[in-house]
Amino acid sequence: MAGEGVGIKRVPVLTVACLSRKGPLEGIPAACRELEAWVKERGYRVAGLPIAVYHSNPLDVPAAELLWEVRLPLKPGTPLSEPVDDGPGVKKVPTREVAYVYHRGGYETIGPVMQMLFRWIFAAGYRLAGPAEEVFFNDLATTPAAELEAEVRFPVEKRAARHA
């Protein structure tokens, strides 16, 4: 159920294969498959679950204009590389604190979960420090949307205390 397990945790530095896209979120499974094939072709070793990063808000931006990225954590020491012609690349994602909550369901049900998490972040004395992310626990290609399980998270930092 949404709202269970809400909290703050530290995510360690990650080396990730990444692929940026523009368009509807329903393109995420195909982008993950494309990135997985690229990683396998180069002999890189996946070291974690697939991640989607939302660079624009689906509530404010038309589906065709949404900017998002898929990431696959790789074994530390994988050589970094810049994406070429909108293709995949490898980069480091710094250590950060994230607010997180579990979500079960498709992209059409994630909006209220993100809004709840955003309210929780503010009430807990934090502010956003980066775009929303989703870490997928099951296979995006074969799992029906209603059965997708993910950790929804926002990078956060503590707000400065206000002085009276």
N, C-alpha and C. Protein backbone atom coordinates (compact mmCIF):
# COMPACT_ATOMS: atom_id res chain seq x y z
N MET A 1 0.84 -1.18 0.00
CA MET A 1 0.00 0.00 0.00
C MET A 1 0.88 1.24 0.00
N ALA A 2 0.48 2.26 -0.74
CA ALA A 2 1.24 3.51 -0.80
C ALA A 2 1.28 4.14 0.58
N GLY A 3 2.39 4.70 0.94
CA GLY A 3 2.53 5.37 2.22
C GLY A 3 3.20 4.52 3.28
N GLU A 4 3.22 3.21 3.09
CA GLU A 4 3.90 2.34 4.03
C GLU A 4 5.39 2.40 3.77
N GLY A 5 6.16 2.39 4.85
CA GLY A 5 7.60 2.35 4.69
C GLY A 5 8.22 3.65 4.21
N VAL A 6 7.56 4.77 4.44
CA VAL A 6 8.12 6.05 4.04
C VAL A 6 9.31 6.34 4.95
N GLY A 7 10.41 6.83 4.37
CA GLY A 7 11.57 7.14 5.19
C GLY A 7 12.64 7.85 4.41
N ILE A 8 13.78 8.02 5.07
CA ILE A 8 14.97 8.65 4.50
C ILE A 8 16.09 7.64 4.58
N LYS A 9 16.89 7.53 3.51
CA LYS A 9 18.06 6.66 3.54
C LYS A 9 19.15 7.27 2.67
N ARG A 10 20.37 6.80 2.86
CA ARG A 10 21.51 7.24 2.07
C ARG A 10 21.74 6.21 0.96
N VAL A 11 21.85 6.72 -0.28
CA VAL A 11 22.16 5.87 -1.43
C VAL A 11 23.63 6.09 -1.76
N PRO A 12 24.42 5.03 -1.82
CA PRO A 12 25.86 5.20 -2.09
C PRO A 12 26.11 5.64 -3.53
N VAL A 13 27.32 6.11 -3.78
CA VAL A 13 27.72 6.48 -5.14
C VAL A 13 27.50 5.27 -6.05
N LEU A 14 26.99 5.53 -7.25
CA LEU A 14 26.74 4.46 -8.21
C LEU A 14 27.41 4.78 -9.53
N THR A 15 27.92 3.77 -10.19
CA THR A 15 28.32 3.86 -11.59
C THR A 15 27.15 3.26 -12.36
N VAL A 16 26.59 4.03 -13.30
CA VAL A 16 25.39 3.57 -14.00
C VAL A 16 25.55 3.70 -15.51
N ALA A 17 24.99 2.74 -16.22
CA ALA A 17 24.74 2.92 -17.65
C ALA A 17 23.46 3.73 -17.72
N CYS A 18 23.39 4.69 -18.64
CA CYS A 18 22.22 5.56 -18.70
C CYS A 18 21.81 5.81 -20.15
N LEU A 19 20.53 6.09 -20.31
CA LEU A 19 19.96 6.37 -21.62
C LEU A 19 18.83 7.37 -21.43
N SER A 20 18.93 8.56 -22.02
CA SER A 20 17.92 9.61 -21.88
C SER A 20 16.94 9.54 -23.04
N ARG A 21 15.69 9.87 -22.74
CA ARG A 21 14.64 9.85 -23.75
C ARG A 21 13.66 10.99 -23.51
N LYS A 22 12.87 11.27 -24.56
CA LYS A 22 11.78 12.24 -24.50
C LYS A 22 10.54 11.54 -25.02
N GLY A 23 9.44 11.63 -24.27
CA GLY A 23 8.20 11.02 -24.72
C GLY A 23 7.44 10.38 -23.57
N PRO A 24 6.39 9.64 -23.90
CA PRO A 24 5.55 9.02 -22.88
C PRO A 24 6.32 8.04 -22.00
N LEU A 25 5.91 7.94 -20.75
CA LEU A 25 6.57 7.04 -19.80
C LEU A 25 6.41 5.57 -20.19
N GLU A 26 5.44 5.26 -21.01
CA GLU A 26 5.26 3.88 -21.46
C GLU A 26 6.45 3.39 -22.28
N GLY A 27 7.34 4.30 -22.68
CA GLY A 27 8.55 3.93 -23.41
C GLY A 27 9.67 3.41 -22.51
N ILE A 28 9.48 3.48 -21.21
CA ILE A 28 10.54 3.07 -20.27
C ILE A 28 10.93 1.60 -20.44
N PRO A 29 9.99 0.64 -20.54
CA PRO A 29 10.42 -0.76 -20.70
C PRO A 29 11.30 -0.98 -21.94
N ALA A 30 10.94 -0.37 -23.07
CA ALA A 30 11.74 -0.54 -24.29
C ALA A 30 13.11 0.10 -24.12
N ALA A 31 13.18 1.25 -23.47
CA ALA A 31 14.47 1.91 -23.24
C ALA A 31 15.34 1.05 -22.32
N CYS A 32 14.74 0.41 -21.32
CA CYS A 32 15.50 -0.49 -20.43
C CYS A 32 16.06 -1.67 -21.22
N ARG A 33 15.26 -2.24 -22.11
CA ARG A 33 15.74 -3.36 -22.93
C ARG A 33 16.89 -2.92 -23.83
N GLU A 34 16.77 -1.72 -24.40
CA GLU A 34 17.84 -1.18 -25.25
C GLU A 34 19.12 -0.99 -24.43
N LEU A 35 18.98 -0.44 -23.24
CA LEU A 35 20.15 -0.21 -22.38
C LEU A 35 20.76 -1.54 -21.93
N GLU A 36 19.93 -2.51 -21.58
CA GLU A 36 20.43 -3.83 -21.18
C GLU A 36 21.22 -4.49 -22.31
N ALA A 37 20.74 -4.37 -23.55
CA ALA A 37 21.45 -4.95 -24.70
C ALA A 37 22.79 -4.26 -24.88
N TRP A 38 22.83 -2.93 -24.72
CA TRP A 38 24.07 -2.17 -24.86
C TRP A 38 25.08 -2.59 -23.80
N VAL A 39 24.61 -2.76 -22.57
CA VAL A 39 25.48 -3.18 -21.46
C VAL A 39 26.05 -4.57 -21.75
N LYS A 40 25.20 -5.49 -22.17
CA LYS A 40 25.62 -6.87 -22.46
C LYS A 40 26.62 -6.90 -23.62
N GLU A 41 26.36 -6.11 -24.65
CA GLU A 41 27.25 -6.05 -25.83
C GLU A 41 28.66 -5.62 -25.45
N ARG A 42 28.78 -4.76 -24.46
CA ARG A 42 30.09 -4.26 -24.02
C ARG A 42 30.73 -5.12 -22.94
N GLY A 43 30.00 -6.11 -22.46
CA GLY A 43 30.54 -6.99 -21.44
C GLY A 43 30.53 -6.38 -20.05
N TYR A 44 29.76 -5.31 -19.84
CA TYR A 44 29.65 -4.71 -18.52
C TYR A 44 28.80 -5.61 -17.63
N ARG A 45 28.98 -5.48 -16.32
CA ARG A 45 28.23 -6.30 -15.38
C ARG A 45 27.23 -5.44 -14.59
N VAL A 46 25.97 -5.80 -14.70
CA VAL A 46 24.92 -5.11 -13.97
C VAL A 46 25.05 -5.45 -12.49
N ALA A 47 24.90 -4.42 -11.64
CA ALA A 47 25.10 -4.60 -10.20
C ALA A 47 23.92 -4.05 -9.40
N GLY A 48 22.74 -4.01 -10.00
CA GLY A 48 21.57 -3.49 -9.29
C GLY A 48 20.34 -3.48 -10.16
N LEU A 49 19.27 -2.99 -9.59
CA LEU A 49 17.97 -2.96 -10.25
C LEU A 49 17.84 -1.76 -11.18
N PRO A 50 17.01 -1.86 -12.23
CA PRO A 50 16.81 -0.73 -13.15
C PRO A 50 16.14 0.45 -12.43
N ILE A 51 16.52 1.64 -12.87
CA ILE A 51 16.05 2.89 -12.28
C ILE A 51 15.53 3.78 -13.39
N ALA A 52 14.40 4.44 -13.15
CA ALA A 52 13.91 5.49 -14.05
C ALA A 52 14.03 6.81 -13.30
N VAL A 53 14.50 7.85 -13.99
CA VAL A 53 14.64 9.18 -13.41
C VAL A 53 13.76 10.11 -14.23
N TYR A 54 12.88 10.84 -13.55
CA TYR A 54 11.91 11.71 -14.22
C TYR A 54 12.38 13.16 -14.15
N HIS A 55 12.84 13.69 -15.28
CA HIS A 55 13.36 15.06 -15.32
C HIS A 55 12.27 16.09 -15.55
N SER A 56 11.05 15.65 -15.84
CA SER A 56 9.92 16.57 -15.94
C SER A 56 8.72 15.95 -15.24
N ASN A 57 7.79 16.78 -14.85
CA ASN A 57 6.64 16.36 -14.06
C ASN A 57 5.50 15.93 -14.98
N PRO A 58 5.08 14.66 -14.91
CA PRO A 58 3.99 14.18 -15.76
C PRO A 58 2.66 14.92 -15.53
N LEU A 59 2.53 15.60 -14.39
CA LEU A 59 1.30 16.35 -14.12
C LEU A 59 1.32 17.71 -14.82
N ASP A 60 2.50 18.20 -15.20
CA ASP A 60 2.63 19.53 -15.79
C ASP A 60 3.05 19.54 -17.25
N VAL A 61 3.57 18.42 -17.75
CA VAL A 61 4.16 18.38 -19.08
C VAL A 61 3.41 17.36 -19.94
N PRO A 62 3.07 17.71 -21.20
CA PRO A 62 2.41 16.73 -22.07
C PRO A 62 3.29 15.50 -22.26
N ALA A 63 2.66 14.34 -22.38
CA ALA A 63 3.38 13.06 -22.48
C ALA A 63 4.47 13.09 -23.54
N ALA A 64 4.20 13.68 -24.69
CA ALA A 64 5.18 13.70 -25.78
C ALA A 64 6.41 14.54 -25.44
N GLU A 65 6.32 15.40 -24.44
CA GLU A 65 7.42 16.30 -24.07
C GLU A 65 8.16 15.88 -22.80
N LEU A 66 7.74 14.79 -22.18
CA LEU A 66 8.37 14.35 -20.94
C LEU A 66 9.84 13.98 -21.17
N LEU A 67 10.70 14.41 -20.27
CA LEU A 67 12.12 14.06 -20.30
C LEU A 67 12.39 13.07 -19.17
N TRP A 68 12.99 11.93 -19.51
CA TRP A 68 13.29 10.91 -18.52
C TRP A 68 14.53 10.15 -18.93
N GLU A 69 15.02 9.36 -18.01
CA GLU A 69 16.26 8.60 -18.22
C GLU A 69 16.11 7.25 -17.54
N VAL A 70 16.67 6.23 -18.17
CA VAL A 70 16.77 4.92 -17.51
C VAL A 70 18.22 4.68 -17.15
N ARG A 71 18.42 4.00 -16.01
CA ARG A 71 19.76 3.70 -15.52
C ARG A 71 19.85 2.25 -15.10
N LEU A 72 21.02 1.67 -15.31
CA LEU A 72 21.33 0.34 -14.78
C LEU A 72 22.61 0.45 -13.97
N PRO A 73 22.56 0.20 -12.67
CA PRO A 73 23.80 0.22 -11.88
C PRO A 73 24.77 -0.83 -12.40
N LEU A 74 26.04 -0.44 -12.49
CA LEU A 74 27.09 -1.33 -12.99
C LEU A 74 28.12 -1.57 -11.90
N LYS A 75 28.90 -2.62 -12.12
CA LYS A 75 29.99 -2.95 -11.20
C LYS A 75 30.93 -1.75 -11.09
N PRO A 76 31.33 -1.36 -9.86
CA PRO A 76 32.28 -0.25 -9.71
C PRO A 76 33.54 -0.50 -10.55
N GLY A 77 34.09 0.57 -11.10
CA GLY A 77 35.28 0.45 -11.93
C GLY A 77 34.97 0.38 -13.41
N THR A 78 33.69 0.28 -13.77
CA THR A 78 33.33 0.31 -15.19
C THR A 78 33.75 1.65 -15.75
N PRO A 79 34.41 1.67 -16.93
CA PRO A 79 34.88 2.95 -17.48
C PRO A 79 33.72 3.88 -17.81
N LEU A 80 33.89 5.16 -17.49
CA LEU A 80 32.88 6.17 -17.79
C LEU A 80 32.93 6.50 -19.28
N SER A 81 31.77 6.85 -19.84
CA SER A 81 31.71 7.25 -21.26
C SER A 81 30.53 8.17 -21.47
N GLU A 82 30.71 9.17 -22.30
CA GLU A 82 29.64 10.10 -22.63
C GLU A 82 28.68 9.46 -23.62
N PRO A 83 27.36 9.72 -23.47
CA PRO A 83 26.42 9.24 -24.48
C PRO A 83 26.73 9.88 -25.84
N VAL A 84 26.55 9.13 -26.92
CA VAL A 84 26.81 9.62 -28.27
C VAL A 84 25.51 9.57 -29.06
N ASP A 85 25.12 10.69 -29.68
CA ASP A 85 23.91 10.76 -30.51
C ASP A 85 22.70 10.21 -29.78
N ASP A 86 22.44 10.71 -28.59
CA ASP A 86 21.30 10.26 -27.78
C ASP A 86 21.36 8.78 -27.43
N GLY A 87 22.53 8.20 -27.50
CA GLY A 87 22.69 6.79 -27.15
C GLY A 87 23.10 6.63 -25.71
N PRO A 88 23.37 5.40 -25.31
CA PRO A 88 23.76 5.12 -23.93
C PRO A 88 25.15 5.65 -23.58
N GLY A 89 25.39 5.76 -22.29
CA GLY A 89 26.70 6.13 -21.76
C GLY A 89 26.83 5.57 -20.35
N VAL A 90 27.97 5.83 -19.72
CA VAL A 90 28.22 5.40 -18.35
C VAL A 90 28.66 6.62 -17.56
N LYS A 91 28.04 6.83 -16.39
CA LYS A 91 28.38 7.98 -15.55
C LYS A 91 28.31 7.59 -14.09
N LYS A 92 28.82 8.48 -13.24
CA LYS A 92 28.74 8.29 -11.79
C LYS A 92 27.59 9.14 -11.26
N VAL A 93 26.84 8.58 -10.32
CA VAL A 93 25.79 9.30 -9.61
C VAL A 93 26.29 9.42 -8.17
N PRO A 94 26.41 10.65 -7.65
CA PRO A 94 27.00 10.82 -6.32
C PRO A 94 26.13 10.24 -5.20
N THR A 95 26.76 10.01 -4.06
CA THR A 95 26.06 9.62 -2.84
C THR A 95 25.04 10.70 -2.53
N ARG A 96 23.87 10.27 -2.07
CA ARG A 96 22.85 11.25 -1.72
C ARG A 96 21.84 10.63 -0.75
N GLU A 97 21.13 11.51 -0.06
CA GLU A 97 20.02 11.08 0.78
C GLU A 97 18.75 11.12 -0.06
N VAL A 98 17.88 10.13 0.13
CA VAL A 98 16.61 10.10 -0.58
C VAL A 98 15.48 9.82 0.39
N ALA A 99 14.34 10.44 0.11
CA ALA A 99 13.09 10.05 0.76
C ALA A 99 12.49 8.99 -0.15
N TYR A 100 11.90 7.94 0.45
CA TYR A 100 11.42 6.83 -0.38
C TYR A 100 10.11 6.26 0.15
N VAL A 101 9.39 5.61 -0.75
CA VAL A 101 8.17 4.89 -0.40
C VAL A 101 7.97 3.79 -1.43
N TYR A 102 7.34 2.71 -1.03
CA TYR A 102 7.03 1.59 -1.90
C TYR A 102 5.78 1.92 -2.72
N HIS A 103 5.76 1.50 -4.00
CA HIS A 103 4.60 1.70 -4.87
C HIS A 103 4.34 0.42 -5.66
N ARG A 104 3.07 0.05 -5.76
CA ARG A 104 2.67 -1.08 -6.60
C ARG A 104 1.63 -0.56 -7.58
N GLY A 105 1.91 -0.71 -8.88
CA GLY A 105 0.97 -0.26 -9.90
C GLY A 105 1.71 0.36 -11.07
N GLY A 106 0.95 0.77 -12.06
CA GLY A 106 1.51 1.33 -13.28
C GLY A 106 1.78 2.82 -13.18
N TYR A 107 2.25 3.37 -14.29
CA TYR A 107 2.62 4.79 -14.35
C TYR A 107 1.42 5.70 -14.06
N GLU A 108 0.23 5.23 -14.44
CA GLU A 108 -0.96 6.06 -14.24
C GLU A 108 -1.33 6.23 -12.77
N THR A 109 -0.78 5.40 -11.89
CA THR A 109 -1.11 5.50 -10.46
C THR A 109 0.01 6.12 -9.62
N ILE A 110 1.10 6.50 -10.26
CA ILE A 110 2.23 6.98 -9.47
C ILE A 110 2.09 8.44 -9.03
N GLY A 111 1.30 9.24 -9.75
CA GLY A 111 1.14 10.66 -9.40
C GLY A 111 0.75 10.89 -7.96
N PRO A 112 -0.33 10.25 -7.47
CA PRO A 112 -0.71 10.46 -6.07
C PRO A 112 0.36 10.00 -5.07
N VAL A 113 1.09 8.95 -5.41
CA VAL A 113 2.15 8.46 -4.53
C VAL A 113 3.26 9.51 -4.43
N MET A 114 3.64 10.08 -5.58
CA MET A 114 4.67 11.13 -5.57
C MET A 114 4.20 12.36 -4.81
N GLN A 115 2.94 12.73 -4.97
CA GLN A 115 2.41 13.89 -4.24
C GLN A 115 2.43 13.63 -2.73
N MET A 116 2.03 12.41 -2.30
CA MET A 116 2.07 12.07 -0.89
C MET A 116 3.50 12.13 -0.36
N LEU A 117 4.44 11.59 -1.14
CA LEU A 117 5.84 11.60 -0.70
C LEU A 117 6.37 13.03 -0.63
N PHE A 118 5.99 13.85 -1.59
CA PHE A 118 6.42 15.25 -1.57
C PHE A 118 5.91 15.95 -0.31
N ARG A 119 4.65 15.73 0.06
CA ARG A 119 4.10 16.34 1.29
C ARG A 119 4.84 15.83 2.52
N TRP A 120 5.15 14.54 2.55
CA TRP A 120 5.87 13.95 3.67
C TRP A 120 7.26 14.58 3.80
N ILE A 121 7.94 14.77 2.67
CA ILE A 121 9.28 15.37 2.66
C ILE A 121 9.24 16.74 3.33
N PHE A 122 8.29 17.56 2.91
CA PHE A 122 8.18 18.91 3.45
C PHE A 122 7.86 18.87 4.94
N ALA A 123 6.90 18.02 5.33
CA ALA A 123 6.51 17.93 6.74
C ALA A 123 7.66 17.43 7.62
N ALA A 124 8.56 16.63 7.06
CA ALA A 124 9.69 16.08 7.82
C ALA A 124 10.89 17.04 7.88
N GLY A 125 10.76 18.23 7.28
CA GLY A 125 11.82 19.23 7.36
C GLY A 125 12.87 19.13 6.27
N TYR A 126 12.52 18.50 5.16
CA TYR A 126 13.45 18.37 4.03
C TYR A 126 12.96 19.18 2.85
N ARG A 127 13.81 19.32 1.85
CA ARG A 127 13.43 19.91 0.57
C ARG A 127 14.00 19.04 -0.54
N LEU A 128 13.41 19.15 -1.73
CA LEU A 128 13.88 18.35 -2.86
C LEU A 128 15.27 18.79 -3.29
N ALA A 129 16.08 17.81 -3.69
CA ALA A 129 17.46 18.10 -4.13
C ALA A 129 17.75 17.40 -5.46
N GLY A 130 16.69 17.01 -6.19
CA GLY A 130 16.89 16.34 -7.48
C GLY A 130 15.58 15.77 -7.98
N PRO A 131 15.61 15.19 -9.18
CA PRO A 131 14.39 14.67 -9.78
C PRO A 131 13.93 13.35 -9.15
N ALA A 132 12.64 13.07 -9.32
CA ALA A 132 12.05 11.83 -8.83
C ALA A 132 12.70 10.63 -9.52
N GLU A 133 12.77 9.53 -8.78
CA GLU A 133 13.35 8.28 -9.30
C GLU A 133 12.43 7.13 -8.94
N GLU A 134 12.51 6.07 -9.71
CA GLU A 134 11.82 4.83 -9.40
C GLU A 134 12.78 3.69 -9.61
N VAL A 135 12.92 2.83 -8.60
CA VAL A 135 13.74 1.63 -8.70
C VAL A 135 12.78 0.46 -8.85
N PHE A 136 12.89 -0.27 -9.96
CA PHE A 136 11.93 -1.34 -10.27
C PHE A 136 12.40 -2.68 -9.72
N PHE A 137 11.50 -3.36 -9.02
CA PHE A 137 11.81 -4.65 -8.42
C PHE A 137 11.49 -5.83 -9.32
N ASN A 138 10.67 -5.63 -10.35
CA ASN A 138 10.34 -6.74 -11.24
C ASN A 138 10.55 -6.34 -12.69
N ASP A 139 10.45 -7.30 -13.59
CA ASP A 139 10.77 -7.12 -15.00
C ASP A 139 9.72 -6.25 -15.69
N LEU A 140 10.15 -5.11 -16.18
CA LEU A 140 9.23 -4.17 -16.84
C LEU A 140 8.65 -4.74 -18.13
N ALA A 141 9.37 -5.63 -18.78
CA ALA A 141 8.93 -6.17 -20.06
C ALA A 141 7.84 -7.22 -19.90
N THR A 142 7.84 -7.95 -18.79
CA THR A 142 6.90 -9.08 -18.66
C THR A 142 5.87 -8.91 -17.56
N THR A 143 6.02 -7.92 -16.70
CA THR A 143 5.09 -7.73 -15.59
C THR A 143 3.96 -6.80 -16.00
N PRO A 144 2.70 -7.21 -15.81
CA PRO A 144 1.60 -6.29 -16.10
C PRO A 144 1.73 -5.02 -15.28
N ALA A 145 1.34 -3.89 -15.86
CA ALA A 145 1.51 -2.59 -15.21
C ALA A 145 0.93 -2.56 -13.80
N ALA A 146 -0.23 -3.14 -13.60
CA ALA A 146 -0.87 -3.12 -12.28
C ALA A 146 -0.08 -3.88 -11.22
N GLU A 147 0.84 -4.75 -11.66
CA GLU A 147 1.63 -5.56 -10.73
C GLU A 147 3.07 -5.07 -10.57
N LEU A 148 3.43 -3.97 -11.24
CA LEU A 148 4.78 -3.44 -11.09
C LEU A 148 5.02 -3.03 -9.64
N GLU A 149 6.20 -3.35 -9.13
CA GLU A 149 6.59 -2.97 -7.78
C GLU A 149 7.84 -2.12 -7.87
N ALA A 150 7.83 -1.01 -7.15
CA ALA A 150 8.95 -0.08 -7.24
C ALA A 150 9.11 0.70 -5.94
N GLU A 151 10.32 1.20 -5.77
CA GLU A 151 10.59 2.17 -4.72
C GLU A 151 10.61 3.53 -5.40
N VAL A 152 9.72 4.41 -4.99
CA VAL A 152 9.68 5.78 -5.50
C VAL A 152 10.52 6.62 -4.55
N ARG A 153 11.39 7.45 -5.11
CA ARG A 153 12.23 8.25 -4.22
C ARG A 153 12.58 9.61 -4.83
N PHE A 154 12.84 10.54 -3.93
CA PHE A 154 13.30 11.89 -4.29
C PHE A 154 14.60 12.15 -3.54
N PRO A 155 15.65 12.60 -4.22
CA PRO A 155 16.81 13.10 -3.49
C PRO A 155 16.38 14.30 -2.64
N VAL A 156 16.85 14.36 -1.40
CA VAL A 156 16.45 15.43 -0.48
C VAL A 156 17.66 15.96 0.29
N GLU A 157 17.45 17.11 0.89
CA GLU A 157 18.41 17.65 1.86
C GLU A 157 17.61 18.36 2.94
N LYS A 158 18.18 18.40 4.13
CA LYS A 158 17.50 19.01 5.28
C LYS A 158 17.36 20.51 5.02
N ARG A 159 16.20 21.05 5.33
CA ARG A 159 15.98 22.50 5.22
C ARG A 159 16.65 23.17 6.41
N ALA A 160 17.15 24.37 6.18
CA ALA A 160 17.75 25.15 7.27
C ALA A 160 16.65 25.55 8.24
N ALA A 161 16.96 25.55 9.53
CA ALA A 161 15.97 25.96 10.54
C ALA A 161 15.73 27.45 10.42
N ARG A 162 14.47 27.82 10.57
CA ARG A 162 14.12 29.25 10.53
C ARG A 162 14.28 29.84 11.92
N HIS A 163 14.84 31.01 11.98
CA HIS A 163 15.01 31.70 13.27
C HIS A 163 13.94 32.76 13.42
N ALA A 164 13.35 32.84 14.58
CA ALA A 164 12.28 33.81 14.84
C ALA A 164 12.83 35.18 15.11
